[in-house]
């Protein structure tokens, strides 16, 4: 099972990223757990200075933008 973490404090882009991640998980039929990380200390522990960001299994894949569900599905493959 993959752990997908959405790193952000709760802005509209963070919410959009969460929706896109959920759609990508369904679309790619991935075995994944989606978690939203809003604690700024935890976010910075990833080395992220811009949100939203996306981490898969603890590795940051996207920072400062909202990838499409298709782009996220490719990261999950």
Protein backbone atom coordinates (compact mmCIF):
# COMPACT_ATOMS: atom_id res chain seq x y z
CA UNK A 1 0.00 0.00 0.00
CA UNK A 2 1.29 3.44 -0.94
CA UNK A 3 1.06 6.37 1.45
CA UNK A 4 0.11 9.55 -0.38
CA UNK A 5 0.49 12.73 1.62
CA UNK A 6 -0.92 16.10 0.67
CA UNK A 7 1.21 18.76 2.33
CA UNK A 8 -0.56 22.08 2.87
CA UNK A 9 -2.18 24.29 5.42
CA UNK A 10 -5.67 24.08 3.95
CA UNK A 11 -5.77 26.56 1.07
CA UNK A 12 -8.03 26.05 -1.95
CA UNK A 13 -5.11 24.65 -3.99
CA UNK A 14 -4.51 22.06 -1.25
CA UNK A 15 -8.18 21.04 -1.40
CA UNK A 16 -7.97 20.80 -5.19
CA UNK A 17 -4.86 18.62 -4.92
CA UNK A 18 -6.66 16.30 -2.48
CA UNK A 19 -9.56 15.90 -4.92
CA UNK A 20 -7.16 15.20 -7.80
CA UNK A 21 -5.27 12.62 -5.71
CA UNK A 22 -8.49 10.85 -4.75
CA UNK A 23 -9.57 10.80 -8.40
CA UNK A 24 -6.16 9.47 -9.50
CA UNK A 25 -6.29 6.66 -6.90
CA UNK A 26 -9.70 5.54 -8.19
CA UNK A 27 -8.67 5.98 -11.84
CA UNK A 28 -5.47 3.92 -11.45
CA UNK A 29 -7.02 1.42 -9.03
CA UNK A 30 -4.04 2.00 -6.71
CA UNK A 31 -3.80 0.45 -3.27
CA UNK A 32 -3.17 3.68 -1.40
CA UNK A 33 -3.91 5.61 1.75
CA UNK A 34 -4.41 9.37 1.35
CA UNK A 35 -3.38 11.60 4.23
CA UNK A 36 -3.53 15.36 4.55
CA UNK A 37 -0.66 16.96 6.49
CA UNK A 38 -1.47 20.46 7.76
CA UNK A 39 1.08 20.82 10.57
CA UNK A 40 3.66 23.34 9.32
CA UNK A 41 6.44 21.65 11.32
CA UNK A 42 5.74 18.32 9.63
CA UNK A 43 5.50 20.01 6.23
CA UNK A 44 8.90 21.70 6.64
CA UNK A 45 10.41 18.39 7.84
CA UNK A 46 9.91 17.20 4.25
CA UNK A 47 12.05 20.15 3.09
CA UNK A 48 8.99 21.78 1.53
CA UNK A 49 8.84 25.57 1.58
CA UNK A 50 5.94 26.00 -0.87
CA UNK A 51 2.53 24.38 -0.76
CA UNK A 52 0.68 22.51 -1.94
CA UNK A 53 3.06 19.58 -2.17
CA UNK A 54 2.59 15.89 -2.81
CA UNK A 55 4.62 13.09 -1.23
CA UNK A 56 4.38 9.41 -2.06
CA UNK A 57 5.84 6.97 0.47
CA UNK A 58 7.66 9.85 2.16
CA UNK A 59 9.29 11.15 -1.04
CA UNK A 60 8.23 14.61 -2.25
CA UNK A 61 7.14 14.40 -5.89
CA UNK A 62 5.45 17.76 -6.57
CA UNK A 63 5.88 21.18 -4.94
CA UNK A 64 4.00 24.44 -5.50
CA UNK A 65 1.50 23.27 -8.10
CA UNK A 66 -1.59 21.13 -8.51
CA UNK A 67 -0.97 18.24 -10.90
CA UNK A 68 -3.88 16.77 -12.83
CA UNK A 69 -5.34 13.39 -11.87
CA UNK A 70 -3.59 11.90 -14.94
CA UNK A 71 -0.20 13.27 -13.84
CA UNK A 72 -0.74 11.89 -10.33
CA UNK A 73 -1.78 8.49 -11.71
CA UNK A 74 1.54 8.32 -13.61
CA UNK A 75 3.40 8.98 -10.33
CA UNK A 76 1.48 6.11 -8.72
CA UNK A 77 2.31 3.61 -11.47
